[in-house]
Amino acid sequence: MKSSLWFECDSLPPFLASVTSLLLAIVASTSAQCPSQCDCEKAATSLYVNCRGKGLTEIPAGIPEATTNLDLRSNHIAIIPDGIFSELKLGALRQLRFDNNDLTEIRVGTFTGLPRLTHLHLAYNKISQIEDRAFASVPSLGYLQIYHNKLEKIGQNVLFGLSRLVQLYACCMRTLTSIDDGAFSHVGNLRQLILSSTNLQQPAVDFRLSFMPRLDSL
């Protein structure tokens, strides 16, 4: 037996019936592709996949390739397997929220396959190490949040490849005591840098800021 919705469609003029059927097919397609643990919301030029607070311990399979915004906040994910985003074919992703998880390190291969990513949120994890060139595979990144982690230093080439970065939040880490020489030489377009509530020595910070002539907020 047909549903009442389909009876209504059958009674519409041919053009409206075709449009309605197409919209229903798009909704059904999006729903079918959405991971069972997540909710998917499609707009004209974006696809938001919300997996927030689902008790996940790993990145779910079946994330639509057209996803532009992926929200994995407030889960229990401890590891991002190298190359996982390439395997999932998420090259269209522009915003990734990974705050409030259990990550302990960021490796060179962690974000491979995300050339269009502009916003990356890694706050409130347990990250104690970020490998040199770990962000080289996300050259479009403009906003990076790594506050409330357990970093002890920002290495010389940690920010390598981030020439488009305009905002960096690295505050609220009493473990952070040093920044290597040249660490900020890769982010000459940076406009906002937040390093408050750390154990960095101010003279050392002032010297390294000379690499960022466009900085207007500290």
C-alpha atoms as a PDB file:
ATOM      1  CA  MET A   1       0.000   0.000   0.000  1.00  0.00           C
ATOM      2  CA  LYS A   2       1.275   3.458  -0.898  1.00  0.00           C
ATOM      3  CA  SER A   3       1.869   5.967   1.862  1.00  0.00           C
ATOM      4  CA  SER A   4      -0.328   9.047   2.081  1.00  0.00           C
ATOM      5  CA  LEU A   5       2.649  11.112   0.913  1.00  0.00           C
ATOM      6  CA  TRP A   6       2.876   9.198  -2.334  1.00  0.00           C
ATOM      7  CA  PHE A   7      -0.898   9.496  -2.888  1.00  0.00           C
ATOM      8  CA  GLU A   8      -0.481  13.252  -2.587  1.00  0.00           C
ATOM      9  CA  CYS A   9       2.392  13.203  -5.077  1.00  0.00           C
ATOM     10  CA  ASP A  10       0.311  11.215  -7.561  1.00  0.00           C
ATOM     11  CA  SER A  11      -2.385  13.872  -7.416  1.00  0.00           C
ATOM     12  CA  LEU A  12       0.012  16.745  -8.179  1.00  0.00           C
ATOM     13  CA  PRO A  13       0.516  18.223 -11.646  1.00  0.00           C
ATOM     14  CA  PRO A  14       3.248  16.307 -13.588  1.00  0.00           C
ATOM     15  CA  PHE A  15       5.935  18.978 -13.134  1.00  0.00           C
ATOM     16  CA  LEU A  16       5.386  19.372  -9.380  1.00  0.00           C
ATOM     17  CA  ALA A  17       5.174  15.628  -8.964  1.00  0.00           C
ATOM     18  CA  SER A  18       8.552  15.221 -10.676  1.00  0.00           C
ATOM     19  CA  VAL A  19      10.167  17.895  -8.502  1.00  0.00           C
ATOM     20  CA  THR A  20       8.712  16.370  -5.339  1.00  0.00           C
ATOM     21  CA  SER A  21       9.888  12.910  -6.316  1.00  0.00           C
ATOM     22  CA  LEU A  22      13.384  14.263  -6.991  1.00  0.00           C
ATOM     23  CA  LEU A  23      13.545  15.956  -3.603  1.00  0.00           C
ATOM     24  CA  LEU A  24      12.395  12.796  -1.882  1.00  0.00           C
ATOM     25  CA  ALA A  25      15.057  10.831  -3.738  1.00  0.00           C
ATOM     26  CA  ILE A  26      17.760  13.296  -2.624  1.00  0.00           C
ATOM     27  CA  VAL A  27      16.642  13.069   1.004  1.00  0.00           C
ATOM     28  CA  ALA A  28      16.531   9.280   0.818  1.00  0.00           C
ATOM     29  CA  SER A  29      19.979   9.171  -0.790  1.00  0.00           C
ATOM     30  CA  THR A  30      21.492  11.416   1.884  1.00  0.00           C
ATOM     31  CA  SER A  31      19.879   9.389   4.642  1.00  0.00           C
ATOM     32  CA  ALA A  32      21.115   6.126   3.146  1.00  0.00           C
ATOM     33  CA  GLN A  33      24.698   7.387   3.011  1.00  0.00           C
ATOM     34  CA  CYS A  34      24.743   8.814   6.532  1.00  0.00           C
ATOM     35  CA  PRO A  35      26.540   6.716   9.194  1.00  0.00           C
ATOM     36  CA  SER A  36      24.042   5.128  11.552  1.00  0.00           C
ATOM     37  CA  GLN A  37      25.675   6.863  14.552  1.00  0.00           C
ATOM     38  CA  CYS A  38      25.401  10.330  13.002  1.00  0.00           C
ATOM     39  CA  ASP A  39      22.914  12.825  11.614  1.00  0.00           C
ATOM     40  CA  CYS A  40      23.345  14.379   8.183  1.00  0.00           C
ATOM     41  CA  GLU A  41      21.991  17.715   7.052  1.00  0.00           C
ATOM     42  CA  LYS A  42      22.299  18.767   3.444  1.00  0.00           C
ATOM     43  CA  ALA A  43      22.108  22.357   2.237  1.00  0.00           C
ATOM     44  CA  ALA A  44      22.568  23.883  -1.204  1.00  0.00           C
ATOM     45  CA  THR A  45      26.369  23.942  -1.102  1.00  0.00           C
ATOM     46  CA  SER A  46      27.235  22.011   2.049  1.00  0.00           C
ATOM     47  CA  LEU A  47      26.739  18.728   3.862  1.00  0.00           C
ATOM     48  CA  TYR A  48      26.974  18.715   7.653  1.00  0.00           C
ATOM     49  CA  VAL A  49      27.604  15.361   9.341  1.00  0.00           C
ATOM     50  CA  ASN A  50      26.967  15.553  13.082  1.00  0.00           C
ATOM     51  CA  CYS A  51      28.500  12.724  15.136  1.00  0.00           C
ATOM     52  CA  ARG A  52      28.824  14.786  18.300  1.00  0.00           C
ATOM     53  CA  GLY A  53      28.616  13.040  21.655  1.00  0.00           C
ATOM     54  CA  LYS A  54      27.827   9.589  20.299  1.00  0.00           C
ATOM     55  CA  GLY A  55      30.327   7.665  22.435  1.00  0.00           C
ATOM     56  CA  LEU A  56      32.481   6.880  19.392  1.00  0.00           C
ATOM     57  CA  THR A  57      35.929   5.328  19.817  1.00  0.00           C
ATOM     58  CA  GLU A  58      36.825   5.572  16.118  1.00  0.00           C
ATOM     59  CA  ILE A  59      35.891   7.574  13.056  1.00  0.00           C
ATOM     60  CA  PRO A  60      32.748   5.944  11.628  1.00  0.00           C
ATOM     61  CA  ALA A  61      32.672   4.388   8.186  1.00  0.00           C
ATOM     62  CA  GLY A  62      30.254   5.544   5.531  1.00  0.00           C
ATOM     63  CA  ILE A  63      30.722   9.299   5.849  1.00  0.00           C
ATOM     64  CA  PRO A  64      29.457  10.811   2.556  1.00  0.00           C
ATOM     65  CA  GLU A  65      32.234  11.919   0.223  1.00  0.00           C
ATOM     66  CA  ALA A  66      30.494  15.279  -0.270  1.00  0.00           C
ATOM     67  CA  THR A  67      30.749  16.135   3.443  1.00  0.00           C
ATOM     68  CA  THR A  68      31.923  19.715   4.022  1.00  0.00           C
ATOM     69  CA  ASN A  69      31.515  19.878   7.818  1.00  0.00           C
ATOM     70  CA  LEU A  70      32.291  16.919  10.079  1.00  0.00           C
ATOM     71  CA  ASP A  71      31.555  17.216  13.783  1.00  0.00           C
ATOM     72  CA  LEU A  72      33.178  14.540  15.975  1.00  0.00           C
ATOM     73  CA  ARG A  73      33.217  16.544  19.196  1.00  0.00           C
ATOM     74  CA  SER A  74      32.762  15.012  22.628  1.00  0.00           C
ATOM     75  CA  ASN A  75      33.574  11.396  21.833  1.00  0.00           C
ATOM     76  CA  HIS A  76      36.306   9.020  23.017  1.00  0.00           C
ATOM     77  CA  ILE A  77      38.474   8.806  19.897  1.00  0.00           C
ATOM     78  CA  ALA A  78      42.138   8.322  20.841  1.00  0.00           C
ATOM     79  CA  ILE A  79      43.693   7.651  17.425  1.00  0.00           C
ATOM     80  CA  ILE A  80      43.205   9.046  13.937  1.00  0.00           C
ATOM     81  CA  PRO A  81      44.684   6.344  11.656  1.00  0.00           C
ATOM     82  CA  ASP A  82      47.142   7.701   9.097  1.00  0.00           C
ATOM     83  CA  GLY A  83      45.451   8.225   5.743  1.00  0.00           C
ATOM     84  CA  ILE A  84      41.910   7.619   7.048  1.00  0.00           C
ATOM     85  CA  PHE A  85      40.538  10.774   5.414  1.00  0.00           C
ATOM     86  CA  SER A  86      42.062   9.771   2.077  1.00  0.00           C
ATOM     87  CA  GLU A  87      40.468   6.324   2.380  1.00  0.00           C
ATOM     88  CA  LEU A  88      37.099   7.924   3.124  1.00  0.00           C
ATOM     89  CA  LYS A  89      37.576  10.288   0.154  1.00  0.00           C
ATOM     90  CA  LEU A  90      36.703  13.387   2.162  1.00  0.00           C
ATOM     91  CA  GLY A  91      38.553  15.844  -0.045  1.00  0.00           C
ATOM     92  CA  ALA A  92      35.614  18.271   0.054  1.00  0.00           C
ATOM     93  CA  LEU A  93      35.838  18.684   3.842  1.00  0.00           C
ATOM     94  CA  ARG A  94      36.240  22.298   4.971  1.00  0.00           C
ATOM     95  CA  GLN A  95      35.623  22.115   8.722  1.00  0.00           C
ATOM     96  CA  LEU A  96      36.635  19.335  11.119  1.00  0.00           C
ATOM     97  CA  ARG A  97      35.715  19.410  14.812  1.00  0.00           C
ATOM     98  CA  PHE A  98      37.677  16.984  16.960  1.00  0.00           C
ATOM     99  CA  ASP A  99      37.574  18.879  20.254  1.00  0.00           C
ATOM    100  CA  ASN A 100      36.964  17.039  23.504  1.00  0.00           C
ATOM    101  CA  ASN A 101      38.271  13.610  22.526  1.00  0.00           C
ATOM    102  CA  ASP A 102      41.206  11.496  23.730  1.00  0.00           C
ATOM    103  CA  LEU A 103      43.837  12.249  21.083  1.00  0.00           C
ATOM    104  CA  THR A 104      47.446  12.103  22.330  1.00  0.00           C
ATOM    105  CA  GLU A 105      49.449  12.866  19.176  1.00  0.00           C
ATOM    106  CA  ILE A 106      49.197  14.336  15.694  1.00  0.00           C
ATOM    107  CA  ARG A 107      51.351  12.644  13.050  1.00  0.00           C
ATOM    108  CA  VAL A 108      52.428  13.568   9.539  1.00  0.00           C
ATOM    109  CA  GLY A 109      49.776  11.314   8.011  1.00  0.00           C
ATOM    110  CA  THR A 110      46.932  12.270  10.333  1.00  0.00           C
ATOM    111  CA  PHE A 111      45.241  14.788   8.029  1.00  0.00           C
ATOM    112  CA  THR A 112      46.329  13.500   4.628  1.00  0.00           C
ATOM    113  CA  GLY A 113      43.579  13.866   2.045  1.00  0.00           C
ATOM    114  CA  LEU A 114      42.057  17.141   3.270  1.00  0.00           C
ATOM    115  CA  PRO A 115      43.369  19.774   0.811  1.00  0.00           C
ATOM    116  CA  ARG A 116      40.347  22.092   1.269  1.00  0.00           C
ATOM    117  CA  LEU A 117      40.198  22.053   5.065  1.00  0.00           C
ATOM    118  CA  THR A 118      40.028  25.609   6.447  1.00  0.00           C
ATOM    119  CA  HIS A 119      38.948  25.080  10.085  1.00  0.00           C
ATOM    120  CA  LEU A 120      40.444  22.495  12.447  1.00  0.00           C
ATOM    121  CA  HIS A 121      39.421  22.185  16.099  1.00  0.00           C
ATOM    122  CA  LEU A 122      41.623  20.000  18.340  1.00  0.00           C
ATOM    123  CA  ALA A 123      41.043  21.633  21.728  1.00  0.00           C
ATOM    124  CA  TYR A 124      40.380  19.707  24.930  1.00  0.00           C
ATOM    125  CA  ASN A 125      42.303  16.570  24.013  1.00  0.00           C
ATOM    126  CA  LYS A 126      45.431  15.036  25.536  1.00  0.00           C
ATOM    127  CA  ILE A 127      47.833  15.914  22.739  1.00  0.00           C
ATOM    128  CA  SER A 128      51.426  15.928  23.976  1.00  0.00           C
ATOM    129  CA  GLN A 129      53.174  15.656  20.611  1.00  0.00           C
ATOM    130  CA  ILE A 130      52.689  17.149  17.160  1.00  0.00           C
ATOM    131  CA  GLU A 131      55.182  15.886  14.595  1.00  0.00           C
ATOM    132  CA  ASP A 132      57.032  18.298  12.322  1.00  0.00           C
ATOM    133  CA  ARG A 133      55.057  18.951   9.116  1.00  0.00           C
ATOM    134  CA  ALA A 134      51.952  17.335  10.595  1.00  0.00           C
ATOM    135  CA  PHE A 135      49.805  20.044   8.990  1.00  0.00           C
ATOM    136  CA  ALA A 136      51.598  20.167   5.629  1.00  0.00           C
ATOM    137  CA  SER A 137      48.749  18.196   4.028  1.00  0.00           C
ATOM    138  CA  VAL A 138      46.170  20.881   4.898  1.00  0.00           C
ATOM    139  CA  PRO A 139      47.571  23.922   3.039  1.00  0.00           C
ATOM    140  CA  SER A 140      44.206  25.734   3.000  1.00  0.00           C
ATOM    141  CA  LEU A 141      43.973  25.798   6.799  1.00  0.00           C
ATOM    142  CA  GLY A 142      43.127  29.261   8.112  1.00  0.00           C
ATOM    143  CA  TYR A 143      41.940  28.534  11.664  1.00  0.00           C
ATOM    144  CA  LEU A 144      43.616  26.123  14.088  1.00  0.00           C
ATOM    145  CA  GLN A 145      42.645  25.544  17.713  1.00  0.00           C
ATOM    146  CA  ILE A 146      44.941  23.381  19.861  1.00  0.00           C
ATOM    147  CA  TYR A 147      44.309  24.886  23.300  1.00  0.00           C
ATOM    148  CA  HIS A 148      43.737  22.839  26.457  1.00  0.00           C
ATOM    149  CA  ASN A 149      46.136  20.044  25.491  1.00  0.00           C
ATOM    150  CA  LYS A 150      49.411  18.808  26.959  1.00  0.00           C
ATOM    151  CA  LEU A 151      51.993  20.172  24.551  1.00  0.00           C
ATOM    152  CA  GLU A 152      55.389  21.011  26.005  1.00  0.00           C
ATOM    153  CA  LYS A 153      56.721  22.866  22.981  1.00  0.00           C
ATOM    154  CA  ILE A 154      55.919  24.040  19.485  1.00  0.00           C
ATOM    155  CA  GLY A 155      58.609  22.558  17.268  1.00  0.00           C
ATOM    156  CA  GLN A 156      60.417  24.377  14.486  1.00  0.00           C
ATOM    157  CA  ASN A 157      58.435  22.764  11.669  1.00  0.00           C
ATOM    158  CA  VAL A 158      55.153  21.924  13.386  1.00  0.00           C
ATOM    159  CA  LEU A 159      53.423  24.743  11.488  1.00  0.00           C
ATOM    160  CA  PHE A 160      55.198  24.044   8.195  1.00  0.00           C
ATOM    161  CA  GLY A 161      52.949  24.537   5.170  1.00  0.00           C
ATOM    162  CA  LEU A 162      50.403  26.769   6.907  1.00  0.00           C
ATOM    163  CA  SER A 163      51.023  29.942   4.912  1.00  0.00           C
ATOM    164  CA  ARG A 164      47.272  30.708   4.917  1.00  0.00           C
ATOM    165  CA  LEU A 165      46.829  30.402   8.671  1.00  0.00           C
ATOM    166  CA  VAL A 166      45.284  33.559  10.143  1.00  0.00           C
ATOM    167  CA  GLN A 167      44.220  32.378  13.607  1.00  0.00           C
ATOM    168  CA  LEU A 168      46.021  30.103  16.081  1.00  0.00           C
ATOM    169  CA  TYR A 169      44.706  29.354  19.554  1.00  0.00           C
ATOM    170  CA  ALA A 170      47.419  27.628  21.616  1.00  0.00           C
ATOM    171  CA  CYS A 171      46.511  28.892  25.059  1.00  0.00           C
ATOM    172  CA  CYS A 172      45.615  27.275  28.366  1.00  0.00           C
ATOM    173  CA  MET A 173      48.475  24.749  28.501  1.00  0.00           C
ATOM    174  CA  ARG A 174      50.667  25.079  31.581  1.00  0.00           C
ATOM    175  CA  THR A 175      52.804  22.318  30.067  1.00  0.00           C
ATOM    176  CA  LEU A 176      53.838  24.586  27.180  1.00  0.00           C
ATOM    177  CA  THR A 177      57.273  25.994  28.028  1.00  0.00           C
ATOM    178  CA  SER A 178      59.082  26.560  24.729  1.00  0.00           C
ATOM    179  CA  ILE A 179      58.757  27.542  21.093  1.00  0.00           C
ATOM    180  CA  ASP A 180      61.583  26.531  18.769  1.00  0.00           C
ATOM    181  CA  ASP A 181      63.431  29.154  16.737  1.00  0.00           C
ATOM    182  CA  GLY A 182      61.695  29.625  13.395  1.00  0.00           C
ATOM    183  CA  ALA A 183      58.474  27.968  14.512  1.00  0.00           C
ATOM    184  CA  PHE A 184      56.426  30.967  13.348  1.00  0.00           C
ATOM    185  CA  SER A 185      58.380  31.563  10.153  1.00  0.00           C
ATOM    186  CA  HIS A 186      55.848  29.383   8.295  1.00  0.00           C
ATOM    187  CA  VAL A 187      52.801  31.452   9.270  1.00  0.00           C
ATOM    188  CA  GLY A 188      53.603  34.933   8.015  1.00  0.00           C
ATOM    189  CA  ASN A 189      49.922  35.735   7.398  1.00  0.00           C
ATOM    190  CA  LEU A 190      48.879  35.040  10.989  1.00  0.00           C
ATOM    191  CA  ARG A 191      46.662  37.796  12.394  1.00  0.00           C
ATOM    192  CA  GLN A 192      45.555  36.387  15.744  1.00  0.00           C
ATOM    193  CA  LEU A 193      47.708  34.354  18.126  1.00  0.00           C
ATOM    194  CA  ILE A 194      46.528  33.332  21.587  1.00  0.00           C
ATOM    195  CA  LEU A 195      49.241  32.013  23.941  1.00  0.00           C
ATOM    196  CA  SER A 196      47.816  33.048  27.309  1.00  0.00           C
ATOM    197  CA  SER A 197      47.843  30.749  30.357  1.00  0.00           C
ATOM    198  CA  THR A 198      51.017  28.911  29.360  1.00  0.00           C
ATOM    199  CA  ASN A 199      54.493  28.795  30.896  1.00  0.00           C
ATOM    200  CA  LEU A 200      56.206  30.493  27.983  1.00  0.00           C
ATOM    201  CA  GLN A 201      58.753  33.194  28.802  1.00  0.00           C
ATOM    202  CA  GLN A 202      57.691  36.537  27.351  1.00  0.00           C
ATOM    203  CA  PRO A 203      61.096  37.612  25.901  1.00  0.00           C
ATOM    204  CA  ALA A 204      61.316  34.416  23.894  1.00  0.00           C
ATOM    205  CA  VAL A 205      57.789  34.884  22.590  1.00  0.00           C
ATOM    206  CA  ASP A 206      58.430  38.504  21.598  1.00  0.00           C
ATOM    207  CA  PHE A 207      61.478  37.494  19.544  1.00  0.00           C
ATOM    208  CA  ARG A 208      59.585  34.848  17.624  1.00  0.00           C
ATOM    209  CA  LEU A 209      56.694  37.197  16.850  1.00  0.00           C
ATOM    210  CA  SER A 210      58.975  39.138  14.499  1.00  0.00           C
ATOM    211  CA  PHE A 211      58.224  36.510  11.861  1.00  0.00           C
ATOM    212  CA  MET A 212      54.553  37.580  11.722  1.00  0.00           C
ATOM    213  CA  PRO A 213      54.307  41.160  10.437  1.00  0.00           C
ATOM    214  CA  ARG A 214      50.508  41.015  10.010  1.00  0.00           C
ATOM    215  CA  LEU A 215      49.785  39.976  13.581  1.00  0.00           C
ATOM    216  CA  ASP A 216      47.228  42.349  15.105  1.00  0.00           C
ATOM    217  CA  SER A 217      46.025  40.374  18.133  1.00  0.00           C
ATOM    218  CA  LEU A 218      47.945  38.507  20.830  1.00  0.00           C
END
